[in-house]
Amino acid sequence: MLRWCFYALLVRPLTWIVLGLNVRHRERLPTSGPVILVANHNSHLDTMVLISLFPLRLLPKLRPVAAADYFLKNRFMAWFSMKVIGIIPVARGGAAGDPLEGASDAIARSDMVILFPEGSRGEPEQLTGFKKGVWHLGKRHPGVPIQPVFLHGLGKALPRGEALLVPFFCDVFVGEPMAWMPDRDAFMKELQCRMNALVQDAHFPPWE
């Protein structure tokens, strides 16, 4: 109930009214899991916006992957991140254990896993190379669709290192789902190409 109230009463009004969110190709969004949603990462708002694209009834199935060292660094933040935001914590930096276990278990439960393969938040609207964790996750669930989503404007609304939200018109471009490929390099190249195609679809001028 607390998670429902957080997204229904705070996050959705923030993303749809304050930011003026505009979604392109919304009909491509999945209506059920399992699915791996892959997006670029410029802001802490990215997760909130992606979850806001879906009906509230799907909240229990939407599970964003997030860095354990950041979101579990104190007791309150760990509780809020796990119970309210609903993250799947992933250990970074070569920590012991299976870093994909939580995400893999969520997919096995037919959840909708949100993954940011760039790793950390980058500069506004600047795509960086994708890490190969998404390929390894797909290898464990080869029949699960992988869907790219490009987020534009959130890096200006709440960029890395800033705490003050600036109302800024934001856009979401939903790509077609793709299948996992046994050839890792071919898969990563195809995923990057699909994301680049969404960037080109945006036709926005460079940030100044």
Protein backbone atom coordinates (compact mmCIF):
# COMPACT_ATOMS: atom_id res chain seq x y z
CA MET A 1 0.00 0.00 0.00
CA LEU A 2 2.86 2.38 0.80
CA ARG A 3 4.46 1.72 -2.58
CA TRP A 4 1.11 2.29 -4.33
CA CYS A 5 0.63 5.61 -2.52
CA PHE A 6 4.18 6.75 -3.34
CA TYR A 7 3.77 6.16 -7.06
CA ALA A 8 0.10 7.16 -7.35
CA LEU A 9 0.18 10.33 -5.24
CA LEU A 10 3.74 11.59 -5.74
CA VAL A 11 5.62 10.03 -8.64
CA ARG A 12 2.90 9.99 -11.28
CA PRO A 13 1.84 13.65 -10.74
CA LEU A 14 5.52 14.64 -10.75
CA THR A 15 6.35 12.88 -13.99
CA TRP A 16 3.16 13.54 -15.94
CA ILE A 17 2.30 17.07 -14.77
CA VAL A 18 5.48 18.77 -13.50
CA LEU A 19 7.77 17.28 -16.16
CA GLY A 20 5.16 17.19 -18.92
CA LEU A 21 6.11 13.69 -20.03
CA ASN A 22 5.59 12.78 -23.69
CA VAL A 23 5.69 9.12 -24.74
CA ARG A 24 6.34 8.00 -28.32
CA HIS A 25 5.28 4.49 -29.43
CA ARG A 26 3.57 3.81 -26.12
CA GLU A 27 1.64 0.97 -27.75
CA ARG A 28 4.89 -1.02 -27.79
CA LEU A 29 5.06 -1.21 -24.00
CA PRO A 30 4.56 -4.75 -22.68
CA THR A 31 1.37 -5.48 -20.77
CA SER A 32 2.84 -8.33 -18.73
CA GLY A 33 6.12 -10.02 -17.88
CA PRO A 34 8.55 -11.48 -18.06
CA VAL A 35 10.46 -8.82 -19.96
CA ILE A 36 13.79 -7.01 -19.64
CA LEU A 37 13.40 -3.25 -20.16
CA VAL A 38 16.71 -1.63 -21.14
CA ALA A 39 17.11 2.15 -20.87
CA ASN A 40 19.77 4.85 -20.91
CA HIS A 41 20.65 6.37 -17.55
CA ASN A 42 21.10 10.10 -16.88
CA SER A 43 19.11 10.76 -13.71
CA HIS A 44 17.53 9.27 -10.59
CA LEU A 45 14.23 10.17 -12.27
CA ASP A 46 14.80 7.50 -14.92
CA THR A 47 13.42 4.69 -12.78
CA MET A 48 10.43 6.73 -11.63
CA VAL A 49 9.52 7.73 -15.17
CA LEU A 50 9.78 4.18 -16.51
CA ILE A 51 7.56 2.80 -13.77
CA SER A 52 5.06 5.63 -14.33
CA LEU A 53 4.53 4.45 -17.90
CA PHE A 54 2.68 1.37 -16.64
CA PRO A 55 -0.69 0.94 -14.91
CA LEU A 56 -0.59 0.94 -11.12
CA ARG A 57 -1.85 -2.66 -11.08
CA LEU A 58 1.55 -3.71 -12.48
CA LEU A 59 3.57 -2.08 -9.66
CA PRO A 60 4.32 -5.39 -7.91
CA LYS A 61 5.79 -6.75 -11.16
CA LEU A 62 8.05 -3.76 -11.97
CA ARG A 63 11.54 -4.30 -10.54
CA PRO A 64 14.38 -1.85 -11.30
CA VAL A 65 17.95 -3.08 -10.91
CA ALA A 66 20.05 -0.69 -8.81
CA ALA A 67 23.50 -0.50 -7.21
CA ALA A 68 23.54 -1.98 -3.72
CA ASP A 69 26.47 0.17 -2.56
CA TYR A 70 24.43 3.33 -3.24
CA PHE A 71 20.85 2.40 -2.40
CA LEU A 72 21.61 0.24 0.65
CA LYS A 73 24.19 2.52 2.24
CA ASN A 74 22.07 3.24 5.33
CA ARG A 75 19.11 1.64 7.05
CA PHE A 76 16.43 4.11 5.98
CA MET A 77 17.59 4.30 2.38
CA ALA A 78 17.76 0.51 2.20
CA TRP A 79 14.21 0.17 3.54
CA PHE A 80 12.85 2.85 1.22
CA SER A 81 14.64 1.47 -1.84
CA MET A 82 13.57 -2.13 -1.24
CA LYS A 83 10.04 -1.67 0.08
CA VAL A 84 8.84 1.50 -1.66
CA ILE A 85 10.82 1.84 -4.89
CA GLY A 86 11.07 -1.94 -5.22
CA ILE A 87 14.67 -2.22 -6.41
CA ILE A 88 16.67 -5.36 -7.05
CA PRO A 89 20.05 -4.56 -5.43
CA VAL A 90 23.14 -5.56 -7.41
CA ALA A 91 26.66 -5.58 -5.97
CA ARG A 92 29.23 -3.73 -8.08
CA GLY A 93 33.00 -3.86 -8.21
CA GLY A 94 33.54 -7.61 -8.40
CA ALA A 95 31.88 -8.41 -5.08
CA ALA A 96 31.51 -12.07 -4.18
CA GLY A 97 28.34 -13.87 -5.19
CA ASP A 98 26.11 -13.86 -8.23
CA PRO A 99 25.31 -10.24 -9.21
CA LEU A 100 22.47 -11.34 -11.51
CA GLU A 101 20.74 -13.67 -9.07
CA GLY A 102 18.09 -11.18 -7.95
CA ALA A 103 17.23 -10.08 -11.48
CA SER A 104 17.18 -13.68 -12.71
CA ASP A 105 14.84 -14.73 -9.89
CA ALA A 106 12.53 -11.81 -10.72
CA ILE A 107 12.35 -12.86 -14.38
CA ALA A 108 11.60 -16.41 -13.30
CA ARG A 109 8.59 -14.98 -11.42
CA SER A 110 7.48 -13.23 -14.65
CA ASP A 111 8.42 -9.79 -13.37
CA MET A 112 9.30 -6.83 -15.58
CA VAL A 113 12.94 -6.07 -14.86
CA ILE A 114 14.30 -2.56 -15.55
CA LEU A 115 18.00 -2.52 -16.39
CA PHE A 116 20.42 0.34 -17.13
CA PRO A 117 23.30 -1.30 -19.02
CA GLU A 118 25.42 1.86 -19.03
CA GLY A 119 25.97 1.13 -15.33
CA SER A 120 26.07 4.55 -13.68
CA ARG A 121 24.42 7.83 -14.59
CA GLY A 122 26.19 9.66 -17.40
CA GLU A 123 26.16 13.14 -18.83
CA PRO A 124 22.78 14.46 -20.04
CA GLU A 125 21.73 12.84 -23.32
CA GLN A 126 25.16 11.25 -23.87
CA LEU A 127 24.96 7.52 -24.49
CA THR A 128 27.94 5.49 -23.30
CA GLY A 129 28.84 1.90 -24.09
CA PHE A 130 26.58 -0.81 -22.72
CA LYS A 131 27.98 -3.35 -20.29
CA LYS A 132 27.44 -7.03 -21.05
CA GLY A 133 25.35 -7.89 -17.98
CA VAL A 134 22.17 -7.65 -20.08
CA TRP A 135 23.54 -10.36 -22.41
CA HIS A 136 24.37 -12.65 -19.48
CA LEU A 137 20.92 -12.09 -17.98
CA GLY A 138 19.31 -12.87 -21.33
CA LYS A 139 21.40 -16.05 -21.60
CA ARG A 140 19.68 -17.38 -18.48
CA HIS A 141 16.26 -16.60 -19.95
CA PRO A 142 16.71 -16.78 -23.73
CA GLY A 143 13.00 -16.67 -24.49
CA VAL A 144 12.37 -13.41 -22.62
CA PRO A 145 12.05 -10.28 -24.81
CA ILE A 146 14.49 -7.43 -24.31
CA GLN A 147 13.01 -3.99 -24.98
CA PRO A 148 15.03 -0.78 -25.43
CA VAL A 149 13.67 2.54 -24.18
CA PHE A 150 15.33 5.92 -24.73
CA LEU A 151 14.76 8.68 -22.17
CA HIS A 152 15.36 12.31 -23.19
CA GLY A 153 15.41 15.39 -20.98
CA LEU A 154 15.67 13.78 -17.55
CA GLY A 155 19.37 14.54 -17.39
CA LYS A 156 18.43 18.22 -17.51
CA ALA A 157 15.50 17.94 -15.11
CA LEU A 158 17.59 16.26 -12.40
CA PRO A 159 21.19 15.66 -13.50
CA ARG A 160 23.78 13.68 -11.62
CA GLY A 161 25.02 15.48 -8.52
CA GLU A 162 22.01 17.83 -8.29
CA ALA A 163 19.22 17.75 -5.72
CA LEU A 164 16.96 20.47 -7.14
CA LEU A 165 14.38 19.36 -9.70
CA VAL A 166 14.02 21.67 -12.68
CA PRO A 167 10.70 21.33 -14.58
CA PHE A 168 11.84 20.33 -18.03
CA PHE A 169 9.82 18.76 -20.81
CA CYS A 170 10.86 15.11 -21.12
CA ASP A 171 10.32 12.47 -23.80
CA VAL A 172 10.28 8.68 -23.82
CA PHE A 173 10.86 6.64 -26.98
CA VAL A 174 9.81 2.98 -26.75
CA GLY A 175 11.56 0.58 -29.10
CA GLU A 176 10.48 -2.76 -30.49
CA PRO A 177 11.36 -5.81 -28.36
CA MET A 178 14.31 -7.91 -29.51
CA ALA A 179 15.38 -11.47 -28.83
CA TRP A 180 18.54 -12.60 -27.05
CA MET A 181 21.32 -13.83 -29.34
CA PRO A 182 23.91 -16.53 -28.54
CA ASP A 183 26.61 -14.39 -30.18
CA ARG A 184 27.42 -11.88 -27.46
CA ASP A 185 29.12 -9.29 -29.66
CA ALA A 186 26.34 -9.42 -32.27
CA PHE A 187 23.71 -9.01 -29.55
CA MET A 188 25.44 -6.03 -27.95
CA LYS A 189 25.90 -4.39 -31.34
CA GLU A 190 22.24 -4.89 -32.22
CA LEU A 191 21.08 -3.51 -28.88
CA GLN A 192 23.29 -0.45 -29.27
CA CYS A 193 22.02 0.04 -32.83
CA ARG A 194 18.42 -0.10 -31.68
CA MET A 195 19.06 2.44 -28.96
CA ASN A 196 20.88 4.69 -31.43
CA ALA A 197 17.87 4.41 -33.77
CA LEU A 198 15.63 5.70 -30.97
CA VAL A 199 18.03 8.59 -30.44
CA GLN A 200 17.80 9.43 -34.14
CA ASP A 201 14.02 9.14 -33.95
CA ALA A 202 14.08 11.90 -31.36
CA HIS A 203 15.59 14.48 -33.73
CA PHE A 204 16.55 16.79 -30.88
CA PRO A 205 19.40 19.32 -31.19
CA PRO A 206 22.49 18.80 -28.98
CA TRP A 207 22.46 20.23 -25.45
CA GLU A 208 24.20 23.58 -25.08
